[in-house]
Amino acid sequence: MLKELSRRRAYVLQSEAKLESSMQKEANLKSEIDVDSGGKLEMSSLYSHLRDNPRKQF
């Protein structure tokens, strides 16, 4: 049982690290977009575009 709890704790810690990394990447991307477009392009519109056009080449 202790081994199972240890395994689950490791999984949770790994998941938290991945989430934190993803949030940091998103923040970095947003700051780049704000700089590149003067803040006119919002993340939600970018996400919508990528969702609707997943195979479209830019």
C-alpha atoms as a PDB file:
ATOM      1  CA  MET A   1       0.000   0.000   0.000  1.00  0.00           C
ATOM      2  CA  LEU A   2       2.837   2.392   0.786  1.00  0.00           C
ATOM      3  CA  LYS A   3       4.365   1.647  -2.606  1.00  0.00           C
ATOM      4  CA  GLU A   4       1.025   2.483  -4.303  1.00  0.00           C
ATOM      5  CA  LEU A   5       0.723   5.769  -2.405  1.00  0.00           C
ATOM      6  CA  SER A   6       4.289   6.661  -3.304  1.00  0.00           C
ATOM      7  CA  ARG A   7       3.592   5.921  -6.965  1.00  0.00           C
ATOM      8  CA  ARG A   8       0.430   8.044  -6.916  1.00  0.00           C
ATOM      9  CA  ARG A   9       2.252  10.915  -5.210  1.00  0.00           C
ATOM     10  CA  ALA A  10       4.972  10.794  -7.855  1.00  0.00           C
ATOM     11  CA  TYR A  11       2.301  10.883 -10.578  1.00  0.00           C
ATOM     12  CA  VAL A  12       0.600  13.904  -8.988  1.00  0.00           C
ATOM     13  CA  LEU A  13       3.895  15.761  -8.640  1.00  0.00           C
ATOM     14  CA  GLN A  14       4.767  14.980 -12.267  1.00  0.00           C
ATOM     15  CA  SER A  15       1.321  16.167 -13.413  1.00  0.00           C
ATOM     16  CA  GLU A  16       1.691  19.395 -11.448  1.00  0.00           C
ATOM     17  CA  ALA A  17       5.090  20.004 -13.030  1.00  0.00           C
ATOM     18  CA  LYS A  18       3.653  19.440 -16.517  1.00  0.00           C
ATOM     19  CA  LEU A  19       0.766  21.814 -15.804  1.00  0.00           C
ATOM     20  CA  GLU A  20       3.124  24.486 -14.486  1.00  0.00           C
ATOM     21  CA  SER A  21       5.326  24.080 -17.560  1.00  0.00           C
ATOM     22  CA  SER A  22       2.311  24.372 -19.874  1.00  0.00           C
ATOM     23  CA  MET A  23       1.097  27.476 -18.066  1.00  0.00           C
ATOM     24  CA  GLN A  24       4.555  29.057 -18.363  1.00  0.00           C
ATOM     25  CA  LYS A  25       4.701  28.255 -22.091  1.00  0.00           C
ATOM     26  CA  GLU A  26       1.242  29.770 -22.540  1.00  0.00           C
ATOM     27  CA  ALA A  27       2.296  32.915 -20.687  1.00  0.00           C
ATOM     28  CA  ASN A  28       5.435  33.187 -22.820  1.00  0.00           C
ATOM     29  CA  LEU A  29       3.419  32.710 -26.010  1.00  0.00           C
ATOM     30  CA  LYS A  30       0.880  35.309 -24.936  1.00  0.00           C
ATOM     31  CA  SER A  31       3.608  37.845 -24.210  1.00  0.00           C
ATOM     32  CA  GLU A  32       5.145  37.166 -27.642  1.00  0.00           C
ATOM     33  CA  ILE A  33       1.760  37.623 -29.324  1.00  0.00           C
ATOM     34  CA  ASP A  34       1.159  40.854 -27.398  1.00  0.00           C
ATOM     35  CA  VAL A  35       4.530  42.185 -28.569  1.00  0.00           C
ATOM     36  CA  ASP A  36       4.152  41.011 -32.174  1.00  0.00           C
ATOM     37  CA  SER A  37       0.631  42.289 -32.754  1.00  0.00           C
ATOM     38  CA  GLY A  38       0.414  45.161 -30.331  1.00  0.00           C
ATOM     39  CA  GLY A  39      -2.005  43.123 -28.210  1.00  0.00           C
ATOM     40  CA  LYS A  40      -4.654  42.946 -30.929  1.00  0.00           C
ATOM     41  CA  LEU A  41      -4.640  39.155 -31.257  1.00  0.00           C
ATOM     42  CA  GLU A  42      -6.133  37.376 -28.274  1.00  0.00           C
ATOM     43  CA  MET A  43      -5.171  33.875 -27.181  1.00  0.00           C
ATOM     44  CA  SER A  44      -8.755  32.651 -27.429  1.00  0.00           C
ATOM     45  CA  SER A  45      -8.915  33.541 -31.112  1.00  0.00           C
ATOM     46  CA  LEU A  46      -5.581  31.814 -31.715  1.00  0.00           C
ATOM     47  CA  TYR A  47      -6.785  28.678 -29.940  1.00  0.00           C
ATOM     48  CA  SER A  48     -10.023  28.740 -31.941  1.00  0.00           C
ATOM     49  CA  HIS A  49      -8.114  29.107 -35.191  1.00  0.00           C
ATOM     50  CA  LEU A  50      -5.757  26.240 -34.381  1.00  0.00           C
ATOM     51  CA  ARG A  51      -8.660  24.053 -33.266  1.00  0.00           C
ATOM     52  CA  ASP A  52     -10.645  24.754 -36.433  1.00  0.00           C
ATOM     53  CA  ASN A  53      -7.639  24.430 -38.779  1.00  0.00           C
ATOM     54  CA  PRO A  54      -5.430  21.748 -37.245  1.00  0.00           C
ATOM     55  CA  ARG A  55      -3.679  20.730 -40.479  1.00  0.00           C
ATOM     56  CA  LYS A  56      -3.480  24.101 -42.144  1.00  0.00           C
ATOM     57  CA  GLN A  57       0.071  25.196 -42.889  1.00  0.00           C
ATOM     58  CA  PHE A  58       0.974  28.755 -41.989  1.00  0.00           C
END
